[in-house]
Amino acid sequence: MKKPFNDPAVAAVFDAYPPELKARLFRLRDLIFETAAETDGVGAIEETLKWGQPSYLTPETKSGTTIRIDKLKSDDGRTALFFHCQTHLVDTFREIFRDDLEFEGNRAIILDAAEELPEAPLRHCIAMALTYHLNKRKKRA
């Protein structure tokens, strides 16, 4: 998809990634934008930096919680999708995809850059994060 960057600061962060991780992080970025476009109620995605990490928000609809992507600071060969730790998203992902994904606590899905990207489970998790607040509002109604 290779969506152009609107924020030069985000582009600079991607440029600084090591080559072996850059392609993986670009693919995660593409998955977020693709999933948002395919998921009802999400609307436009804003790409910005939070804590120095590329972050994806739903400011138009406020349908979801922020998703961040980055390399793992403790392991240069791994990347992660980070989610707000006060949601139950990662616990839910763990229940559904226990055998397909690796998790870190209540905040991240961990991905080894040398392994094939599990796109179907990731799309499902991304869609759940991008509709987190929308689904909470539906449950209350």
C-alpha atoms as a PDB file:
ATOM      1  CA  MET A   1       0.000   0.000   0.000  1.00  0.00           C
ATOM      2  CA  LYS A   2       2.843   2.425   0.897  1.00  0.00           C
ATOM      3  CA  LYS A   3       0.676   5.271   2.135  1.00  0.00           C
ATOM      4  CA  PRO A   4       2.618   8.555   2.135  1.00  0.00           C
ATOM      5  CA  PHE A   5       3.515  10.109   5.465  1.00  0.00           C
ATOM      6  CA  ASN A   6       1.664  13.271   6.512  1.00  0.00           C
ATOM      7  CA  ASP A   7       3.930  13.845   9.507  1.00  0.00           C
ATOM      8  CA  PRO A   8       7.664  14.239   8.796  1.00  0.00           C
ATOM      9  CA  ALA A   9       8.485  13.256  12.394  1.00  0.00           C
ATOM     10  CA  VAL A  10       6.848   9.839  11.847  1.00  0.00           C
ATOM     11  CA  ALA A  11       8.718   9.432   8.551  1.00  0.00           C
ATOM     12  CA  ALA A  12      11.982  10.189  10.370  1.00  0.00           C
ATOM     13  CA  VAL A  13      11.289   7.461  12.932  1.00  0.00           C
ATOM     14  CA  PHE A  14      10.677   4.925  10.146  1.00  0.00           C
ATOM     15  CA  ASP A  15      13.859   6.053   8.361  1.00  0.00           C
ATOM     16  CA  ALA A  16      15.864   5.408  11.537  1.00  0.00           C
ATOM     17  CA  TYR A  17      14.785   1.775  11.935  1.00  0.00           C
ATOM     18  CA  PRO A  18      17.372  -0.876  11.041  1.00  0.00           C
ATOM     19  CA  PRO A  19      16.777  -2.279   7.543  1.00  0.00           C
ATOM     20  CA  GLU A  20      15.880  -5.760   8.834  1.00  0.00           C
ATOM     21  CA  LEU A  21      12.996  -4.303  10.887  1.00  0.00           C
ATOM     22  CA  LYS A  22      11.918  -1.464   8.610  1.00  0.00           C
ATOM     23  CA  ALA A  23      10.039  -3.711   6.155  1.00  0.00           C
ATOM     24  CA  ARG A  24       8.208  -5.471   9.009  1.00  0.00           C
ATOM     25  CA  LEU A  25       7.161  -2.162  10.586  1.00  0.00           C
ATOM     26  CA  PHE A  26       6.023  -0.806   7.219  1.00  0.00           C
ATOM     27  CA  ARG A  27       3.882  -3.942   6.782  1.00  0.00           C
ATOM     28  CA  LEU A  28       2.347  -3.463  10.253  1.00  0.00           C
ATOM     29  CA  ARG A  29       1.616   0.165   9.317  1.00  0.00           C
ATOM     30  CA  ASP A  30      -0.046  -0.990   6.088  1.00  0.00           C
ATOM     31  CA  LEU A  31      -2.111  -3.579   8.001  1.00  0.00           C
ATOM     32  CA  ILE A  32      -3.427  -0.870  10.328  1.00  0.00           C
ATOM     33  CA  PHE A  33      -4.472   1.418   7.460  1.00  0.00           C
ATOM     34  CA  GLU A  34      -5.919  -1.482   5.415  1.00  0.00           C
ATOM     35  CA  THR A  35      -7.871  -2.866   8.365  1.00  0.00           C
ATOM     36  CA  ALA A  36      -9.203   0.589   9.236  1.00  0.00           C
ATOM     37  CA  ALA A  37     -10.434   1.069   5.665  1.00  0.00           C
ATOM     38  CA  GLU A  38     -12.189  -2.336   5.759  1.00  0.00           C
ATOM     39  CA  THR A  39     -13.776  -1.939   9.216  1.00  0.00           C
ATOM     40  CA  ASP A  40     -17.157  -0.231   9.592  1.00  0.00           C
ATOM     41  CA  GLY A  41     -17.279   2.746  11.904  1.00  0.00           C
ATOM     42  CA  VAL A  42     -13.543   3.447  12.117  1.00  0.00           C
ATOM     43  CA  GLY A  43     -13.181   6.413   9.772  1.00  0.00           C
ATOM     44  CA  ALA A  44      -9.899   8.158   9.023  1.00  0.00           C
ATOM     45  CA  ILE A  45      -6.744   7.148  10.872  1.00  0.00           C
ATOM     46  CA  GLU A  46      -4.354   9.738  12.262  1.00  0.00           C
ATOM     47  CA  GLU A  47      -0.694   8.755  12.315  1.00  0.00           C
ATOM     48  CA  THR A  48       1.426  10.544  14.904  1.00  0.00           C
ATOM     49  CA  LEU A  49       4.113   9.880  17.505  1.00  0.00           C
ATOM     50  CA  LYS A  50       3.370   8.931  21.096  1.00  0.00           C
ATOM     51  CA  TRP A  51       6.311   8.178  23.348  1.00  0.00           C
ATOM     52  CA  GLY A  52       8.454   8.374  20.220  1.00  0.00           C
ATOM     53  CA  GLN A  53       6.592   5.479  18.595  1.00  0.00           C
ATOM     54  CA  PRO A  54       4.428   5.543  15.451  1.00  0.00           C
ATOM     55  CA  SER A  55       0.864   5.653  16.757  1.00  0.00           C
ATOM     56  CA  TYR A  56      -2.514   5.246  15.101  1.00  0.00           C
ATOM     57  CA  LEU A  57      -5.683   6.924  16.372  1.00  0.00           C
ATOM     58  CA  THR A  58      -9.316   7.320  15.295  1.00  0.00           C
ATOM     59  CA  PRO A  59      -9.898  11.061  15.981  1.00  0.00           C
ATOM     60  CA  GLU A  60     -12.775  11.431  13.520  1.00  0.00           C
ATOM     61  CA  THR A  61     -15.020   8.758  15.023  1.00  0.00           C
ATOM     62  CA  LYS A  62     -13.258   8.093  18.337  1.00  0.00           C
ATOM     63  CA  SER A  63     -14.120   4.454  17.644  1.00  0.00           C
ATOM     64  CA  GLY A  64     -10.886   2.928  18.844  1.00  0.00           C
ATOM     65  CA  THR A  65      -7.994   2.983  21.223  1.00  0.00           C
ATOM     66  CA  THR A  66      -4.482   3.940  20.159  1.00  0.00           C
ATOM     67  CA  ILE A  67      -2.256   1.330  18.527  1.00  0.00           C
ATOM     68  CA  ARG A  68       1.496   1.891  18.602  1.00  0.00           C
ATOM     69  CA  ILE A  69       4.176  -0.026  16.684  1.00  0.00           C
ATOM     70  CA  ASP A  70       7.894  -0.198  17.352  1.00  0.00           C
ATOM     71  CA  LYS A  71      10.898  -2.452  17.656  1.00  0.00           C
ATOM     72  CA  LEU A  72      11.391  -4.009  21.050  1.00  0.00           C
ATOM     73  CA  LYS A  73      14.036  -2.068  22.927  1.00  0.00           C
ATOM     74  CA  SER A  74      15.170  -5.238  24.709  1.00  0.00           C
ATOM     75  CA  ASP A  75      15.497  -7.289  21.485  1.00  0.00           C
ATOM     76  CA  ASP A  76      16.566  -5.823  18.145  1.00  0.00           C
ATOM     77  CA  GLY A  77      15.122  -8.770  16.207  1.00  0.00           C
ATOM     78  CA  ARG A  78      11.539  -8.306  17.356  1.00  0.00           C
ATOM     79  CA  THR A  79       8.753  -5.820  16.809  1.00  0.00           C
ATOM     80  CA  ALA A  80       5.500  -5.213  18.634  1.00  0.00           C
ATOM     81  CA  LEU A  81       2.033  -3.760  18.415  1.00  0.00           C
ATOM     82  CA  PHE A  82       1.278  -1.954  21.669  1.00  0.00           C
ATOM     83  CA  PHE A  83      -2.198  -1.356  23.086  1.00  0.00           C
ATOM     84  CA  HIS A  84      -3.465   0.682  26.010  1.00  0.00           C
ATOM     85  CA  CYS A  85      -2.733  -1.429  29.081  1.00  0.00           C
ATOM     86  CA  GLN A  86      -5.955  -0.435  30.883  1.00  0.00           C
ATOM     87  CA  THR A  87      -8.090  -2.100  28.246  1.00  0.00           C
ATOM     88  CA  HIS A  88      -8.681  -5.843  28.253  1.00  0.00           C
ATOM     89  CA  LEU A  89      -7.711  -6.117  24.599  1.00  0.00           C
ATOM     90  CA  VAL A  90      -4.519  -8.134  25.021  1.00  0.00           C
ATOM     91  CA  ASP A  91      -6.256 -10.518  27.429  1.00  0.00           C
ATOM     92  CA  THR A  92      -8.975 -11.002  24.809  1.00  0.00           C
ATOM     93  CA  PHE A  93      -6.401 -11.487  22.037  1.00  0.00           C
ATOM     94  CA  ARG A  94      -4.654 -14.067  24.219  1.00  0.00           C
ATOM     95  CA  GLU A  95      -7.906 -16.018  24.690  1.00  0.00           C
ATOM     96  CA  ILE A  96      -8.601 -16.064  20.944  1.00  0.00           C
ATOM     97  CA  PHE A  97      -5.071 -16.433  19.537  1.00  0.00           C
ATOM     98  CA  ARG A  98      -3.165 -18.192  22.329  1.00  0.00           C
ATOM     99  CA  ASP A  99      -1.535 -20.588  19.830  1.00  0.00           C
ATOM    100  CA  ASP A 100      -0.975 -18.057  17.034  1.00  0.00           C
ATOM    101  CA  LEU A 101       0.543 -14.973  18.668  1.00  0.00           C
ATOM    102  CA  GLU A 102       3.024 -14.105  21.409  1.00  0.00           C
ATOM    103  CA  PHE A 103       2.072 -11.546  24.038  1.00  0.00           C
ATOM    104  CA  GLU A 104       3.785  -9.337  26.575  1.00  0.00           C
ATOM    105  CA  GLY A 105       1.746  -8.710  29.697  1.00  0.00           C
ATOM    106  CA  ASN A 106      -1.430  -6.733  29.057  1.00  0.00           C
ATOM    107  CA  ARG A 107       0.071  -4.346  26.548  1.00  0.00           C
ATOM    108  CA  ALA A 108       1.618  -5.948  23.452  1.00  0.00           C
ATOM    109  CA  ILE A 109       1.659  -8.515  20.691  1.00  0.00           C
ATOM    110  CA  ILE A 110       5.286  -9.511  20.047  1.00  0.00           C
ATOM    111  CA  LEU A 111       6.487 -10.474  16.580  1.00  0.00           C
ATOM    112  CA  ASP A 112       9.793 -12.022  15.579  1.00  0.00           C
ATOM    113  CA  ALA A 113      11.106 -10.274  12.461  1.00  0.00           C
ATOM    114  CA  ALA A 114      12.480 -13.570  11.120  1.00  0.00           C
ATOM    115  CA  GLU A 115       9.095 -15.320  11.188  1.00  0.00           C
ATOM    116  CA  GLU A 116       6.206 -14.978   8.756  1.00  0.00           C
ATOM    117  CA  LEU A 117       3.734 -12.294   9.794  1.00  0.00           C
ATOM    118  CA  PRO A 118       0.451 -13.874  11.022  1.00  0.00           C
ATOM    119  CA  GLU A 119      -1.705 -11.402   9.095  1.00  0.00           C
ATOM    120  CA  ALA A 120      -5.182 -12.869   9.689  1.00  0.00           C
ATOM    121  CA  PRO A 121      -4.920 -12.860  13.509  1.00  0.00           C
ATOM    122  CA  LEU A 122      -3.268  -9.438  13.446  1.00  0.00           C
ATOM    123  CA  ARG A 123      -6.053  -7.973  11.294  1.00  0.00           C
ATOM    124  CA  HIS A 124      -8.608  -9.295  13.773  1.00  0.00           C
ATOM    125  CA  CYS A 125      -6.735  -7.770  16.736  1.00  0.00           C
ATOM    126  CA  ILE A 126      -6.238  -4.458  14.942  1.00  0.00           C
ATOM    127  CA  ALA A 127      -9.946  -4.286  14.067  1.00  0.00           C
ATOM    128  CA  MET A 128     -10.866  -4.961  17.700  1.00  0.00           C
ATOM    129  CA  ALA A 129      -8.573  -2.149  18.868  1.00  0.00           C
ATOM    130  CA  LEU A 130      -9.859   0.268  16.216  1.00  0.00           C
ATOM    131  CA  THR A 131     -13.464  -0.387  17.327  1.00  0.00           C
ATOM    132  CA  TYR A 132     -12.829  -0.705  21.068  1.00  0.00           C
ATOM    133  CA  HIS A 133     -14.758   2.433  22.118  1.00  0.00           C
ATOM    134  CA  LEU A 134     -17.427   1.935  19.446  1.00  0.00           C
ATOM    135  CA  ASN A 135     -18.146  -1.544  20.791  1.00  0.00           C
ATOM    136  CA  LYS A 136     -18.231  -0.294  24.391  1.00  0.00           C
ATOM    137  CA  ARG A 137     -20.790   2.352  23.372  1.00  0.00           C
ATOM    138  CA  LYS A 138     -22.899  -0.301  21.600  1.00  0.00           C
ATOM    139  CA  LYS A 139     -22.895  -2.522  24.705  1.00  0.00           C
ATOM    140  CA  ARG A 140     -24.113   0.382  26.867  1.00  0.00           C
ATOM    141  CA  ALA A 141     -26.943   1.271  24.472  1.00  0.00           C
END
